[in-house]
């Protein structure tokens, strides 16, 4: 059971992103404020939770969190400002949209651009250590997956319903065959010569 807070008595928001390493689609981020007594057996880093359980947790978080928000930055802007800045921007947007202003931010990872007026602490692998960051990772992941399922219907040839825009062999082979589309991150240098064919 993940602890609900880093410091007792402080209103903390956990923040995390999803899709930073993908070839296609936006980067999503979420910010979540949980009550200090929040507990759920399934809650963990989204990568350690099944897709079915992530959807269960999504509903739990949305109904039980004190406040939550999700934001995204699209592939075009990622190409303009780079993926690290885009990840931080998405987090800032999510924090800004919270209906309650937190006293402190718990950020998953080792770097962050400070949000004006709110102190933060970067926590490496924080999505597996604190409930609020884990909750943010669940929301960022589920909202991004839903988005990728939606744009899959426009570009089914890339298999985004299954690979969610990550650089799987299936996705790379589809890029070699069909080229890039508007949802691909051109700055990631996704080019056919990077594709290694299986033997």
Protein backbone atom coordinates (compact mmCIF):
# COMPACT_ATOMS: atom_id res chain seq x y z
CA UNK A 1 0.00 0.00 0.00
CA UNK A 2 1.60 3.26 -1.11
CA UNK A 3 1.75 6.13 1.40
CA UNK A 4 -0.67 8.96 0.58
CA UNK A 5 1.72 11.80 1.36
CA UNK A 6 5.38 12.75 1.82
CA UNK A 7 4.74 15.19 4.68
CA UNK A 8 1.71 14.93 6.93
CA UNK A 9 -0.62 17.91 7.11
CA UNK A 10 0.45 19.37 3.77
CA UNK A 11 -1.79 19.50 0.68
CA UNK A 12 0.36 17.69 -1.89
CA UNK A 13 -0.26 17.09 -5.59
CA UNK A 14 1.41 14.17 -7.31
CA UNK A 15 2.45 14.75 -10.93
CA UNK A 16 3.50 12.35 -13.67
CA UNK A 17 3.54 12.08 -17.45
CA UNK A 18 2.91 9.37 -20.05
CA UNK A 19 4.17 8.96 -23.59
CA UNK A 20 7.50 10.71 -23.30
CA UNK A 21 9.35 8.05 -25.29
CA UNK A 22 6.71 7.47 -27.97
CA UNK A 23 7.20 7.98 -31.71
CA UNK A 24 3.68 9.36 -32.15
CA UNK A 25 0.95 11.20 -30.30
CA UNK A 26 0.98 13.79 -27.53
CA UNK A 27 2.69 13.60 -24.17
CA UNK A 28 0.07 13.57 -21.42
CA UNK A 29 0.49 14.67 -17.81
CA UNK A 30 -1.72 14.52 -14.75
CA UNK A 31 -1.80 16.14 -11.33
CA UNK A 32 -3.70 14.53 -8.45
CA UNK A 33 -4.44 15.59 -4.88
CA UNK A 34 -5.53 12.71 -2.65
CA UNK A 35 -6.91 12.79 0.87
CA UNK A 36 -4.34 11.74 3.51
CA UNK A 37 -6.29 8.55 4.24
CA UNK A 38 -6.62 7.43 0.61
CA UNK A 39 -5.80 3.76 0.08
CA UNK A 40 -6.37 1.29 -2.72
CA UNK A 41 -4.91 -2.20 -3.10
CA UNK A 42 -4.46 -1.92 -6.88
CA UNK A 43 -2.78 1.49 -6.95
CA UNK A 44 0.79 1.42 -8.21
CA UNK A 45 3.01 2.74 -10.99
CA UNK A 46 0.84 2.49 -14.13
CA UNK A 47 3.46 0.28 -15.82
CA UNK A 48 2.92 -2.31 -13.06
CA UNK A 49 -0.88 -2.32 -13.41
CA UNK A 50 -2.89 -4.17 -16.08
CA UNK A 51 -4.92 -2.18 -18.60
CA UNK A 52 -8.15 -3.49 -17.02
CA UNK A 53 -7.09 -2.43 -13.52
CA UNK A 54 -5.89 0.96 -14.78
CA UNK A 55 -9.43 1.68 -15.98
CA UNK A 56 -10.83 0.62 -12.60
CA UNK A 57 -8.36 2.93 -10.86
CA UNK A 58 -9.16 5.78 -13.27
CA UNK A 59 -12.76 5.78 -12.07
CA UNK A 60 -11.73 5.47 -8.40
CA UNK A 61 -9.29 8.39 -8.68
CA UNK A 62 -11.74 10.60 -10.56
CA UNK A 63 -14.47 10.03 -7.97
CA UNK A 64 -12.39 9.98 -4.77
CA UNK A 65 -9.51 12.42 -5.32
CA UNK A 66 -9.79 15.86 -3.75
CA UNK A 67 -8.75 17.27 -7.13
CA UNK A 68 -7.33 15.95 -10.39
CA UNK A 69 -6.46 17.24 -13.83
CA UNK A 70 -5.04 15.95 -17.12
CA UNK A 71 -3.32 17.95 -19.86
CA UNK A 72 -1.38 17.22 -23.05
CA UNK A 73 1.07 18.72 -25.53
CA UNK A 74 0.79 17.50 -29.13
CA UNK A 75 3.45 16.17 -31.47
CA UNK A 76 3.81 19.46 -33.36
CA UNK A 77 4.67 21.38 -30.21
CA UNK A 78 6.93 18.57 -29.00
CA UNK A 79 8.91 19.04 -32.22
CA UNK A 80 9.12 22.79 -31.60
CA UNK A 81 10.19 22.85 -27.96
CA UNK A 82 11.58 19.29 -27.41
CA UNK A 83 10.06 16.43 -25.44
CA UNK A 84 11.52 17.35 -22.04
CA UNK A 85 10.12 20.89 -22.15
CA UNK A 86 6.83 19.53 -23.51
CA UNK A 87 6.58 17.09 -20.59
CA UNK A 88 7.15 19.90 -18.09
CA UNK A 89 4.66 22.13 -19.93
CA UNK A 90 1.98 19.42 -19.79
CA UNK A 91 2.62 19.02 -16.04
CA UNK A 92 2.36 22.78 -15.52
CA UNK A 93 -0.92 22.85 -17.45
CA UNK A 94 -2.32 20.02 -15.33
CA UNK A 95 -1.27 21.77 -12.10
CA UNK A 96 -2.81 25.04 -13.29
CA UNK A 97 -6.14 23.31 -13.99
CA UNK A 98 -6.49 21.81 -10.49
CA UNK A 99 -9.60 23.11 -8.72
CA UNK A 100 -7.62 23.21 -5.45
CA UNK A 101 -4.18 24.83 -5.26
CA UNK A 102 -1.72 22.46 -3.59
CA UNK A 103 0.91 23.51 -1.05
CA UNK A 104 3.57 21.24 -2.53
CA UNK A 105 4.26 19.14 -5.65
CA UNK A 106 5.60 15.60 -5.79
CA UNK A 107 7.16 15.14 -9.23
CA UNK A 108 8.00 11.77 -10.72
CA UNK A 109 11.56 11.76 -12.05
CA UNK A 110 14.78 13.63 -11.40
CA UNK A 111 14.16 17.00 -13.11
CA UNK A 112 11.43 19.61 -13.25
CA UNK A 113 10.98 23.26 -14.13
CA UNK A 114 9.61 24.93 -11.01
CA UNK A 115 5.94 25.86 -11.05
CA UNK A 116 5.45 29.48 -9.94
CA UNK A 117 4.56 29.81 -6.27
CA UNK A 118 4.60 26.09 -5.39
CA UNK A 119 7.65 24.24 -4.11
CA UNK A 120 8.35 20.73 -5.35
CA UNK A 121 10.36 17.61 -4.76
CA UNK A 122 11.54 15.34 -7.58
CA UNK A 123 11.30 11.67 -6.67
CA UNK A 124 12.96 9.06 -8.87
CA UNK A 125 10.50 6.22 -9.55
CA UNK A 126 8.03 8.18 -7.43
CA UNK A 127 5.09 6.54 -9.21
CA UNK A 128 5.91 3.37 -7.29
CA UNK A 129 6.51 5.17 -3.97
CA UNK A 130 3.68 7.65 -3.34
CA UNK A 131 -0.03 7.24 -3.98
CA UNK A 132 -0.57 10.72 -5.46
CA UNK A 133 2.16 10.23 -8.08
CA UNK A 134 0.91 6.72 -8.85
CA UNK A 135 -2.60 8.14 -9.29
CA UNK A 136 -1.24 10.79 -11.66
CA UNK A 137 0.58 8.09 -13.64
CA UNK A 138 -2.68 6.11 -13.94
CA UNK A 139 -4.64 9.12 -15.24
CA UNK A 140 -1.90 10.23 -17.65
CA UNK A 141 -1.57 6.70 -19.05
CA UNK A 142 -5.30 5.95 -19.37
CA UNK A 143 -6.14 9.30 -20.97
CA UNK A 144 -3.27 8.91 -23.42
CA UNK A 145 -4.26 5.34 -24.30
CA UNK A 146 -7.85 6.46 -24.95
CA UNK A 147 -6.54 9.26 -27.19
CA UNK A 148 -4.30 6.87 -29.14
CA UNK A 149 -7.22 4.47 -29.62
CA UNK A 150 -9.20 7.39 -31.08
CA UNK A 151 -6.57 8.49 -33.62
CA UNK A 152 -5.95 4.83 -34.50
CA UNK A 153 -9.27 4.95 -36.35
CA UNK A 154 -7.83 7.68 -38.62
CA UNK A 155 -4.49 5.94 -39.20
CA UNK A 156 -5.05 2.20 -38.55
CA UNK A 157 -1.98 1.24 -40.55
CA UNK A 158 0.32 2.16 -37.63
CA UNK A 159 -1.30 -0.17 -35.10
CA UNK A 160 -1.68 2.48 -32.41
CA UNK A 161 -4.53 0.59 -30.74
CA UNK A 162 -1.96 -1.98 -29.65
CA UNK A 163 1.38 -0.12 -29.60
CA UNK A 164 0.01 3.27 -28.39
CA UNK A 165 2.63 5.09 -30.48
CA UNK A 166 5.69 3.41 -28.98
CA UNK A 167 8.51 2.31 -31.25
CA UNK A 168 7.60 -1.35 -31.50
CA UNK A 169 8.74 -3.41 -34.49
CA UNK A 170 5.16 -3.34 -35.80
CA UNK A 171 5.13 0.47 -35.64
CA UNK A 172 8.57 0.87 -37.18
CA UNK A 173 7.69 -1.48 -40.04
CA UNK A 174 4.51 0.51 -40.66
CA UNK A 175 6.54 3.74 -40.79
CA UNK A 176 8.91 2.16 -43.31
CA UNK A 177 5.95 1.16 -45.46
CA UNK A 178 3.69 4.23 -45.08
CA UNK A 179 5.99 7.06 -44.03
CA UNK A 180 5.15 9.52 -41.25
CA UNK A 181 1.81 11.20 -40.55
CA UNK A 182 0.75 14.36 -38.74
CA UNK A 183 0.82 12.63 -35.35
CA UNK A 184 4.45 11.49 -35.59
CA UNK A 185 7.20 13.36 -33.77
CA UNK A 186 9.48 14.44 -36.59
CA UNK A 187 12.20 15.64 -34.19
CA UNK A 188 12.67 12.05 -32.99
CA UNK A 189 14.42 11.25 -36.30
CA UNK A 190 12.13 8.32 -37.03
CA UNK A 191 13.54 7.21 -40.34
CA UNK A 192 13.58 3.85 -42.13
CA UNK A 193 17.32 3.34 -41.79
CA UNK A 194 16.82 3.03 -38.03
CA UNK A 195 14.68 -0.05 -38.54
CA UNK A 196 16.47 -3.31 -37.89
CA UNK A 197 14.81 -6.19 -39.68
CA UNK A 198 14.37 -9.48 -37.78
CA UNK A 199 16.21 -12.52 -39.08
